[in-house]
C-alpha atoms as a PDB file:
ATOM      1  CA  MET A   1       0.027   0.036   0.020  1.00  0.00           C
ATOM      2  CA  ARG A   2       2.879   2.343   0.809  1.00  0.00           C
ATOM      3  CA  ILE A   3       4.289   1.760  -2.682  1.00  0.00           C
ATOM      4  CA  THR A   4       0.974   2.406  -4.192  1.00  0.00           C
ATOM      5  CA  ALA A   5       0.692   5.733  -2.452  1.00  0.00           C
ATOM      6  CA  ALA A   6       4.125   6.660  -3.527  1.00  0.00           C
ATOM      7  CA  TRP A   7       3.186   6.005  -7.089  1.00  0.00           C
ATOM      8  CA  PHE A   8      -0.077   7.991  -6.598  1.00  0.00           C
ATOM      9  CA  PHE A   9       1.726  11.071  -5.485  1.00  0.00           C
ATOM     10  CA  LEU A  10       5.171  10.770  -6.889  1.00  0.00           C
ATOM     11  CA  GLY A  11       4.176   8.829  -9.940  1.00  0.00           C
ATOM     12  CA  LEU A  12       2.763  12.135 -11.091  1.00  0.00           C
ATOM     13  CA  SER A  13       6.293  12.981 -11.847  1.00  0.00           C
ATOM     14  CA  PHE A  14       5.994  10.244 -14.476  1.00  0.00           C
ATOM     15  CA  ALA A  15       8.010   7.283 -13.103  1.00  0.00           C
ATOM     16  CA  LEU A  16      10.941   9.275 -11.792  1.00  0.00           C
ATOM     17  CA  TYR A  17      10.537   7.633  -8.399  1.00  0.00           C
ATOM     18  CA  TYR A  18       8.395   4.554  -9.121  1.00  0.00           C
ATOM     19  CA  PRO A  19      10.475   1.403  -8.776  1.00  0.00           C
ATOM     20  CA  ALA A  20      11.070  -0.603 -11.938  1.00  0.00           C
ATOM     21  CA  GLY A  21       7.986  -2.955 -11.743  1.00  0.00           C
ATOM     22  CA  ILE A  22       6.862  -5.727 -13.823  1.00  0.00           C
ATOM     23  CA  VAL A  23       8.490  -5.814 -17.307  1.00  0.00           C
ATOM     24  CA  LEU A  24       6.018  -7.337 -19.612  1.00  0.00           C
ATOM     25  CA  ALA A  25       7.641  -9.910 -21.840  1.00  0.00           C
ATOM     26  CA  GLN A  26       6.606  -9.844 -25.382  1.00  0.00           C
ATOM     27  CA  ASP A  27       5.680 -12.986 -27.092  1.00  0.00           C
ATOM     28  CA  SER A  28       8.489 -13.826 -29.577  1.00  0.00           C
ATOM     29  CA  SER A  29       6.614 -16.675 -31.190  1.00  0.00           C
ATOM     30  CA  THR A  30       5.510 -16.215 -34.677  1.00  0.00           C
ATOM     31  CA  VAL A  31       3.155 -18.070 -37.003  1.00  0.00           C
ATOM     32  CA  GLN A  32       4.646 -19.254 -40.237  1.00  0.00           C
ATOM     33  CA  LYS A  33       2.473 -18.752 -43.204  1.00  0.00           C
ATOM     34  CA  SER A  34       2.651 -21.261 -45.972  1.00  0.00           C
ATOM     35  CA  PRO A  35       3.280 -19.677 -49.330  1.00  0.00           C
ATOM     36  CA  PRO A  36       0.574 -20.211 -51.923  1.00  0.00           C
ATOM     37  CA  ASN A  37       1.030 -23.130 -54.329  1.00  0.00           C
ATOM     38  CA  ALA A  38       1.770 -21.509 -57.666  1.00  0.00           C
ATOM     39  CA  GLY A  39       0.942 -24.563 -59.590  1.00  0.00           C
ATOM     40  CA  THR A  40      -2.553 -24.906 -58.297  1.00  0.00           C
ATOM     41  CA  ALA A  41      -5.193 -22.420 -59.383  1.00  0.00           C
ATOM     42  CA  ALA A  42      -8.174 -21.605 -57.173  1.00  0.00           C
ATOM     43  CA  PRO A  43     -11.304 -23.384 -58.470  1.00  0.00           C
ATOM     44  CA  GLN A  44     -13.657 -21.002 -60.153  1.00  0.00           C
ATOM     45  CA  ASP A  45     -17.325 -21.128 -60.486  1.00  0.00           C
ATOM     46  CA  GLU A  46     -18.053 -21.987 -64.155  1.00  0.00           C
ATOM     47  CA  ARG A  47     -21.831 -21.612 -63.879  1.00  0.00           C
ATOM     48  CA  SER A  48     -23.389 -18.919 -65.953  1.00  0.00           C
ATOM     49  CA  TYR A  49     -26.699 -17.267 -65.844  1.00  0.00           C
ATOM     50  CA  ASP A  50     -29.024 -15.649 -68.321  1.00  0.00           C
ATOM     51  CA  ALA A  51     -28.828 -11.918 -67.751  1.00  0.00           C
ATOM     52  CA  ALA A  52     -32.515 -11.648 -68.351  1.00  0.00           C
ATOM     53  CA  GLU A  53     -33.168 -13.916 -65.368  1.00  0.00           C
ATOM     54  CA  PRO A  54     -32.702 -12.997 -61.769  1.00  0.00           C
ATOM     55  CA  ASP A  55     -29.454 -14.195 -60.122  1.00  0.00           C
ATOM     56  CA  PRO A  56     -30.443 -17.245 -57.945  1.00  0.00           C
ATOM     57  CA  ALA A  57     -27.689 -16.284 -55.542  1.00  0.00           C
ATOM     58  CA  ALA A  58     -29.362 -12.959 -54.745  1.00  0.00           C
ATOM     59  CA  ALA A  59     -31.158 -12.976 -51.465  1.00  0.00           C
ATOM     60  CA  ALA A  60     -34.929 -12.995 -51.796  1.00  0.00           C
ATOM     61  CA  VAL A  61     -36.827 -10.073 -50.280  1.00  0.00           C
ATOM     62  CA  ALA A  62     -40.245 -10.685 -49.054  1.00  0.00           C
ATOM     63  CA  PRO A  63     -43.058  -8.277 -50.081  1.00  0.00           C
ATOM     64  CA  GLY A  64     -43.200  -5.181 -47.903  1.00  0.00           C
ATOM     65  CA  GLU A  65     -39.582  -5.782 -46.592  1.00  0.00           C
ATOM     66  CA  ILE A  66     -36.854  -3.222 -47.133  1.00  0.00           C
ATOM     67  CA  ASN A  67     -33.786  -4.518 -48.900  1.00  0.00           C
ATOM     68  CA  PRO A  68     -30.772  -3.543 -46.758  1.00  0.00           C
ATOM     69  CA  SER A  69     -28.716  -2.777 -49.850  1.00  0.00           C
ATOM     70  CA  THR A  70     -31.146  -0.137 -50.807  1.00  0.00           C
ATOM     71  CA  GLY A  71     -32.065   1.340 -47.364  1.00  0.00           C
ATOM     72  CA  ASP A  72     -31.567   4.804 -46.213  1.00  0.00           C
ATOM     73  CA  GLU A  73     -27.853   5.119 -45.793  1.00  0.00           C
ATOM     74  CA  GLY A  74     -28.220   8.596 -44.253  1.00  0.00           C
ATOM     75  CA  ALA A  75     -30.074   7.125 -41.332  1.00  0.00           C
ATOM     76  CA  GLY A  76     -27.273   4.618 -40.683  1.00  0.00           C
ATOM     77  CA  TRP A  77     -24.693   7.469 -40.723  1.00  0.00           C
ATOM     78  CA  ASP A  78     -26.777   9.577 -38.324  1.00  0.00           C
ATOM     79  CA  ALA A  79     -26.939   6.607 -35.947  1.00  0.00           C
ATOM     80  CA  ALA A  80     -23.208   6.029 -36.116  1.00  0.00           C
ATOM     81  CA  VAL A  81     -22.404   9.708 -35.455  1.00  0.00           C
ATOM     82  CA  GLU A  82     -24.760   9.620 -32.383  1.00  0.00           C
ATOM     83  CA  ALA A  83     -23.150   6.503 -31.065  1.00  0.00           C
ATOM     84  CA  ALA A  84     -19.677   8.075 -31.492  1.00  0.00           C
ATOM     85  CA  HIS A  85     -20.592  11.180 -29.424  1.00  0.00           C
ATOM     86  CA  GLY A  86     -17.882  12.013 -26.905  1.00  0.00           C
ATOM     87  CA  PRO A  87     -15.448  14.694 -25.716  1.00  0.00           C
ATOM     88  CA  THR A  88     -14.339  17.152 -28.423  1.00  0.00           C
ATOM     89  CA  PRO A  89     -10.533  17.606 -28.755  1.00  0.00           C
ATOM     90  CA  LEU A  90      -9.506  21.234 -28.597  1.00  0.00           C
ATOM     91  CA  ILE A  91      -6.741  22.652 -30.797  1.00  0.00           C
ATOM     92  CA  GLY A  92      -5.185  25.964 -31.606  1.00  0.00           C
ATOM     93  CA  GLU A  93      -6.744  29.031 -29.885  1.00  0.00           C
ATOM     94  CA  GLN A  94      -9.471  26.879 -28.245  1.00  0.00           C
ATOM     95  CA  GLN A  95      -6.875  24.752 -26.548  1.00  0.00           C
ATOM     96  CA  ALA A  96      -4.851  27.743 -25.465  1.00  0.00           C
ATOM     97  CA  ALA A  97      -7.913  29.359 -23.997  1.00  0.00           C
ATOM     98  CA  ALA A  98      -8.805  26.110 -22.110  1.00  0.00           C
ATOM     99  CA  VAL A  99      -5.331  25.866 -20.702  1.00  0.00           C
ATOM    100  CA  GLN A 100      -5.433  29.476 -19.538  1.00  0.00           C
ATOM    101  CA  ARG A 101      -8.717  28.778 -17.865  1.00  0.00           C
ATOM    102  CA  ILE A 102      -7.185  25.784 -16.050  1.00  0.00           C
ATOM    103  CA  ASN A 103      -4.177  27.844 -15.018  1.00  0.00           C
ATOM    104  CA  ALA A 104      -6.414  30.554 -13.683  1.00  0.00           C
ATOM    105  CA  TYR A 105      -8.389  28.065 -11.662  1.00  0.00           C
ATOM    106  CA  PHE A 106      -5.311  26.843  -9.862  1.00  0.00           C
ATOM    107  CA  ASN A 107      -3.827  30.245  -9.411  1.00  0.00           C
ATOM    108  CA  GLY A 108      -7.144  31.336  -7.839  1.00  0.00           C
ATOM    109  CA  LEU A 109      -6.912  28.613  -5.156  1.00  0.00           C
ATOM    110  CA  THR A 110      -5.626  29.446  -1.645  1.00  0.00           C
ATOM    111  CA  ASN A 111      -7.059  27.222   1.059  1.00  0.00           C
ATOM    112  CA  LEU A 112      -9.390  24.285   0.322  1.00  0.00           C
ATOM    113  CA  GLN A 113     -10.308  20.908   1.607  1.00  0.00           C
ATOM    114  CA  GLY A 114     -12.395  17.906   0.633  1.00  0.00           C
ATOM    115  CA  ASN A 115     -12.753  14.157   0.385  1.00  0.00           C
ATOM    116  CA  PHE A 116     -10.951  11.761  -1.883  1.00  0.00           C
ATOM    117  CA  GLU A 117     -11.297   8.235  -3.120  1.00  0.00           C
ATOM    118  CA  GLN A 118      -8.434   6.370  -4.732  1.00  0.00           C
ATOM    119  CA  ILE A 119      -8.664   3.336  -6.987  1.00  0.00           C
ATOM    120  CA  ASP A 120      -5.385   1.798  -7.928  1.00  0.00           C
ATOM    121  CA  SER A 121      -4.491  -0.525 -10.866  1.00  0.00           C
ATOM    122  CA  ASN A 122      -5.461  -3.568  -8.795  1.00  0.00           C
ATOM    123  CA  ASN A 123      -8.933  -2.077  -8.128  1.00  0.00           C
ATOM    124  CA  LYS A 124      -8.081  -1.397  -4.504  1.00  0.00           C
ATOM    125  CA  HIS A 125     -10.101   1.363  -3.001  1.00  0.00           C
ATOM    126  CA  THR A 126      -8.909   3.763  -0.420  1.00  0.00           C
ATOM    127  CA  LYS A 127     -10.299   7.105   0.723  1.00  0.00           C
ATOM    128  CA  GLY A 128      -9.747  10.013   3.161  1.00  0.00           C
ATOM    129  CA  ARG A 129      -9.537  13.714   3.585  1.00  0.00           C
ATOM    130  CA  PHE A 130      -7.277  16.226   1.840  1.00  0.00           C
ATOM    131  CA  TYR A 131      -6.234  19.803   2.627  1.00  0.00           C
ATOM    132  CA  VAL A 132      -4.360  22.338   0.329  1.00  0.00           C
ATOM    133  CA  GLN A 133      -2.830  25.638   1.219  1.00  0.00           C
ATOM    134  CA  ARG A 134      -1.094  27.358  -1.665  1.00  0.00           C
ATOM    135  CA  PRO A 135       1.663  27.925  -2.243  1.00  0.00           C
ATOM    136  CA  GLY A 136       3.353  24.626  -1.544  1.00  0.00           C
ATOM    137  CA  LYS A 137       1.359  22.964   1.234  1.00  0.00           C
ATOM    138  CA  LEU A 138      -0.957  20.006   1.233  1.00  0.00           C
ATOM    139  CA  ARG A 139      -1.959  17.071   3.406  1.00  0.00           C
ATOM    140  CA  PHE A 140      -3.840  13.819   2.492  1.00  0.00           C
ATOM    141  CA  ASP A 141      -5.065  11.802   5.542  1.00  0.00           C
ATOM    142  CA  TYR A 142      -6.044   8.227   4.640  1.00  0.00           C
ATOM    143  CA  GLU A 143      -8.862   6.494   6.613  1.00  0.00           C
ATOM    144  CA  PRO A 144      -8.209   3.272   8.468  1.00  0.00           C
ATOM    145  CA  PRO A 145      -7.181   0.504   7.855  1.00  0.00           C
ATOM    146  CA  SER A 146      -4.617   2.521   5.785  1.00  0.00           C
ATOM    147  CA  SER A 147      -1.700   3.839   7.975  1.00  0.00           C
ATOM    148  CA  LEU A 148      -0.594   6.521   5.402  1.00  0.00           C
ATOM    149  CA  ARG A 149      -0.504  10.286   5.490  1.00  0.00           C
ATOM    150  CA  ILE A 150       1.032  12.630   2.851  1.00  0.00           C
ATOM    151  CA  VAL A 151       2.313  15.960   3.930  1.00  0.00           C
ATOM    152  CA  ALA A 152       3.976  18.843   1.998  1.00  0.00           C
ATOM    153  CA  ASP A 153       5.307  21.805   3.966  1.00  0.00           C
ATOM    154  CA  GLY A 154       6.361  23.951   1.051  1.00  0.00           C
ATOM    155  CA  HIS A 155       9.828  22.481   0.728  1.00  0.00           C
ATOM    156  CA  PHE A 156       9.509  18.738   1.073  1.00  0.00           C
ATOM    157  CA  LEU A 157       6.764  16.077   0.437  1.00  0.00           C
ATOM    158  CA  ALA A 158       6.716  13.333   3.004  1.00  0.00           C
ATOM    159  CA  ILE A 159       4.952   9.974   2.821  1.00  0.00           C
ATOM    160  CA  GLU A 160       4.428   8.734   6.322  1.00  0.00           C
ATOM    161  CA  ASP A 161       3.537   5.203   7.433  1.00  0.00           C
ATOM    162  CA  SER A 162       2.496   5.084  11.090  1.00  0.00           C
ATOM    163  CA  ASP A 163       2.541   1.239  11.132  1.00  0.00           C
ATOM    164  CA  LEU A 164       6.101   0.975   9.877  1.00  0.00           C
ATOM    165  CA  LYS A 165       7.136   4.169  11.658  1.00  0.00           C
ATOM    166  CA  THR A 166       8.872   5.425   8.533  1.00  0.00           C
ATOM    167  CA  ILE A 167       8.801   8.539   6.428  1.00  0.00           C
ATOM    168  CA  GLU A 168       9.892   9.000   2.792  1.00  0.00           C
ATOM    169  CA  LYS A 169      10.852  12.524   1.930  1.00  0.00           C
ATOM    170  CA  TYR A 170      11.252  14.156  -1.501  1.00  0.00           C
ATOM    171  CA  PRO A 171      12.057  17.679  -2.496  1.00  0.00           C
ATOM    172  CA  LEU A 172       8.715  19.245  -3.466  1.00  0.00           C
ATOM    173  CA  GLU A 173      10.246  20.660  -6.600  1.00  0.00           C
ATOM    174  CA  SER A 174      11.032  16.998  -7.691  1.00  0.00           C
ATOM    175  CA  THR A 175       7.368  16.122  -7.527  1.00  0.00           C
ATOM    176  CA  PRO A 176       4.528  16.960  -9.879  1.00  0.00           C
ATOM    177  CA  PHE A 177       2.990  19.120  -7.238  1.00  0.00           C
ATOM    178  CA  ARG A 178       5.349  21.851  -8.281  1.00  0.00           C
ATOM    179  CA  LEU A 179       3.099  22.206 -11.300  1.00  0.00           C
ATOM    180  CA  LEU A 180      -0.035  22.907  -9.198  1.00  0.00           C
ATOM    181  CA  LEU A 181       1.155  24.303  -5.929  1.00  0.00           C
ATOM    182  CA  GLY A 182       3.687  26.945  -7.079  1.00  0.00           C
ATOM    183  CA  ASP A 183       3.261  30.661  -6.959  1.00  0.00           C
ATOM    184  CA  GLY A 184       2.266  30.830 -10.540  1.00  0.00           C
ATOM    185  CA  VAL A 185       0.751  27.798 -12.368  1.00  0.00           C
ATOM    186  CA  ASP A 186       1.468  27.690 -16.025  1.00  0.00           C
ATOM    187  CA  LEU A 187       0.956  24.242 -17.569  1.00  0.00           C
ATOM    188  CA  SER A 188       2.061  25.365 -21.095  1.00  0.00           C
ATOM    189  CA  ARG A 189       5.377  26.410 -19.641  1.00  0.00           C
ATOM    190  CA  ASP A 190       5.990  23.771 -17.154  1.00  0.00           C
ATOM    191  CA  ALA A 191       4.534  20.660 -18.712  1.00  0.00           C
ATOM    192  CA  ARG A 192       4.049  19.160 -22.122  1.00  0.00           C
ATOM    193  CA  ILE A 193       0.247  19.334 -23.172  1.00  0.00           C
ATOM    194  CA  VAL A 194      -0.732  15.968 -24.656  1.00  0.00           C
ATOM    195  CA  GLY A 195      -4.315  16.977 -25.268  1.00  0.00           C
ATOM    196  CA  VAL A 196      -7.266  19.018 -24.068  1.00  0.00           C
ATOM    197  CA  GLU A 197     -10.913  17.837 -24.381  1.00  0.00           C
ATOM    198  CA  SER A 198     -14.173  19.556 -23.893  1.00  0.00           C
ATOM    199  CA  ASP A 199     -17.541  18.014 -23.243  1.00  0.00           C
ATOM    200  CA  GLU A 200     -20.941  19.322 -22.036  1.00  0.00           C
ATOM    201  CA  GLY A 201     -20.207  20.889 -18.606  1.00  0.00           C
ATOM    202  CA  SER A 202     -16.623  19.418 -18.337  1.00  0.00           C
ATOM    203  CA  LEU A 203     -13.062  19.902 -19.409  1.00  0.00           C
ATOM    204  CA  ALA A 204      -9.992  17.578 -19.326  1.00  0.00           C
ATOM    205  CA  ILE A 205      -6.351  18.060 -19.860  1.00  0.00           C
ATOM    206  CA  THR A 206      -3.621  15.454 -20.289  1.00  0.00           C
ATOM    207  CA  VAL A 207      -0.008  16.468 -19.425  1.00  0.00           C
ATOM    208  CA  GLN A 208       3.434  14.847 -19.335  1.00  0.00           C
ATOM    209  CA  ASP A 209       6.815  15.817 -17.872  1.00  0.00           C
ATOM    210  CA  ASN A 210       8.174  18.302 -20.278  1.00  0.00           C
ATOM    211  CA  SER A 211      11.772  17.174 -19.699  1.00  0.00           C
ATOM    212  CA  GLY A 212      11.123  14.013 -21.675  1.00  0.00           C
ATOM    213  CA  ASP A 213      13.177  12.058 -19.130  1.00  0.00           C
ATOM    214  CA  ALA A 214      10.339   9.882 -17.904  1.00  0.00           C
ATOM    215  CA  ALA A 215       7.240   8.125 -19.234  1.00  0.00           C
ATOM    216  CA  GLY A 216       3.676   8.393 -17.911  1.00  0.00           C
ATOM    217  CA  GLN A 217       1.030  11.025 -17.811  1.00  0.00           C
ATOM    218  CA  ILE A 218      -1.671  12.553 -15.783  1.00  0.00           C
ATOM    219  CA  LYS A 219      -5.198  13.469 -16.912  1.00  0.00           C
ATOM    220  CA  LEU A 220      -7.079  16.052 -14.939  1.00  0.00           C
ATOM    221  CA  TYR A 221     -10.881  16.368 -15.158  1.00  0.00           C
ATOM    222  CA  PHE A 222     -12.851  19.455 -14.295  1.00  0.00           C
ATOM    223  CA  GLU A 223     -16.498  20.436 -13.946  1.00  0.00           C
ATOM    224  CA  THR A 224     -17.097  23.739 -15.683  1.00  0.00           C
ATOM    225  CA  GLU A 225     -20.741  24.434 -14.696  1.00  0.00           C
ATOM    226  CA  PRO A 226     -21.908  26.263 -12.704  1.00  0.00           C
ATOM    227  CA  GLU A 227     -18.142  27.024 -12.005  1.00  0.00           C
ATOM    228  CA  MET A 228     -14.771  25.527 -12.536  1.00  0.00           C
ATOM    229  CA  LYS A 229     -14.010  22.690 -10.112  1.00  0.00           C
ATOM    230  CA  LEU A 230     -11.472  19.865 -10.070  1.00  0.00           C
ATOM    231  CA  LYS A 231     -13.236  16.524  -9.899  1.00  0.00           C
ATOM    232  CA  GLN A 232     -10.877  13.808 -10.740  1.00  0.00           C
ATOM    233  CA  TRP A 233      -7.381  12.826 -12.132  1.00  0.00           C
ATOM    234  CA  VAL A 234      -5.945   9.623 -13.650  1.00  0.00           C
ATOM    235  CA  ILE A 235      -2.259   8.841 -13.452  1.00  0.00           C
ATOM    236  CA  THR A 236      -0.879   6.311 -15.996  1.00  0.00           C
ATOM    237  CA  ASP A 237       2.612   5.022 -15.507  1.00  0.00           C
ATOM    238  CA  ALA A 238       5.146   3.777 -18.038  1.00  0.00           C
ATOM    239  CA  GLN A 239       3.553   0.275 -17.932  1.00  0.00           C
ATOM    240  CA  GLY A 240       0.148   1.615 -18.640  1.00  0.00           C
ATOM    241  CA  LEU A 241      -1.132   1.042 -15.118  1.00  0.00           C
ATOM    242  CA  ALA A 242      -3.606   3.650 -13.997  1.00  0.00           C
ATOM    243  CA  THR A 243      -4.550   5.128 -10.626  1.00  0.00           C
ATOM    244  CA  THR A 244      -7.766   7.159 -10.384  1.00  0.00           C
ATOM    245  CA  VAL A 245      -8.467   9.709  -7.701  1.00  0.00           C
ATOM    246  CA  THR A 246     -11.858  11.431  -7.345  1.00  0.00           C
ATOM    247  CA  VAL A 247     -12.401  14.283  -5.099  1.00  0.00           C
ATOM    248  CA  SER A 248     -15.712  15.602  -3.701  1.00  0.00           C
ATOM    249  CA  ASP A 249     -17.253  17.965  -1.144  1.00  0.00           C
ATOM    250  CA  ILE A 250     -14.567  20.584  -1.932  1.00  0.00           C
ATOM    251  CA  ALA A 251     -14.893  23.725   0.211  1.00  0.00           C
ATOM    252  CA  PRO A 252     -12.708  26.553   1.296  1.00  0.00           C
ATOM    253  CA  GLY A 253     -10.211  25.520   3.991  1.00  0.00           C
ATOM    254  CA  ARG A 254     -10.512  26.732   7.472  1.00  0.00           C
ATOM    255  CA  LYS A 255      -7.586  28.135   9.446  1.00  0.00           C
ATOM    256  CA  VAL A 256      -5.401  25.445  10.795  1.00  0.00           C
ATOM    257  CA  ALA A 257      -2.540  25.047  13.415  1.00  0.00           C
ATOM    258  CA  ALA A 258       0.926  26.270  12.276  1.00  0.00           C
ATOM    259  CA  ASP A 259       2.228  22.646  12.360  1.00  0.00           C
ATOM    260  CA  PHE A 260      -0.742  21.153  10.395  1.00  0.00           C
ATOM    261  CA  PHE A 261       1.315  20.861   7.238  1.00  0.00           C
ATOM    262  CA  THR A 262       4.538  19.712   9.080  1.00  0.00           C
ATOM    263  CA  SER A 263       5.720  16.143   8.801  1.00  0.00           C
ATOM    264  CA  THR A 264       5.850  13.970  11.908  1.00  0.00           C
ATOM    265  CA  THR A 265       9.130  14.295  13.654  1.00  0.00           C
ATOM    266  CA  SER A 266       8.884  11.221  15.907  1.00  0.00           C
ATOM    267  CA  PHE A 267       9.559   8.897  12.939  1.00  0.00           C
ATOM    268  CA  GLU A 268      12.910   8.311  11.543  1.00  0.00           C
ATOM    269  CA  PRO A 269      13.186   9.515   7.896  1.00  0.00           C
ATOM    270  CA  PHE A 270      15.033   6.900   5.688  1.00  0.00           C
ATOM    271  CA  ARG A 271      15.039   8.943   2.488  1.00  0.00           C
END
């Protein structure tokens, strides 16, 4: 579970800290195809029909029935378009405007809190409460039986395990939270935009590490009506394994104690 949480938070930096996991072996077996026998010609149907007579191979159509081959092709196209309805990819000026809107949303945040539910690649569910204070501070408290807590004090991000009495610490600038918790959020500058999608009442953006040194990506989902609000993100690692986090009941954060975003000092950090 501790490794899963590490991937959840630090995997956002696109596998920089995620341990080399399962390497999927590719099947090296091949199927040999037999070459066609040049000396054997394919049998051909030598039967012929009088052009004045109907082809007996043609399917009979009962009176009052519509022949599929002569049906309304436009109706089939409309049905296919309706079935394929989904988010609309944004490009050019539309994409730039959407990214600016997302930047403005994060830059407008100061204190907030809410609930979260996490589903990892093994379909394991965990949940808890999160708190954010920009710039640089956040806290994720996992509900029992999880023993985890994630704390960022503006300089370091710590992953605490109260059962193991351990703390893993990483410079905040080395984690993806630098993209969202800094003084000025600018995803076009600090990340590589993979794609932006718009749907009725929602917006989504997919970004990668712009250094190109690591694989993986994160997709952020927002509600846009009646106001902009983060609702979910999906992290996909280099192996294609995804972790989904859904947030709810987001509200302005209340005043907290000075040490609320400070990592536990009674544990012995090992990183």
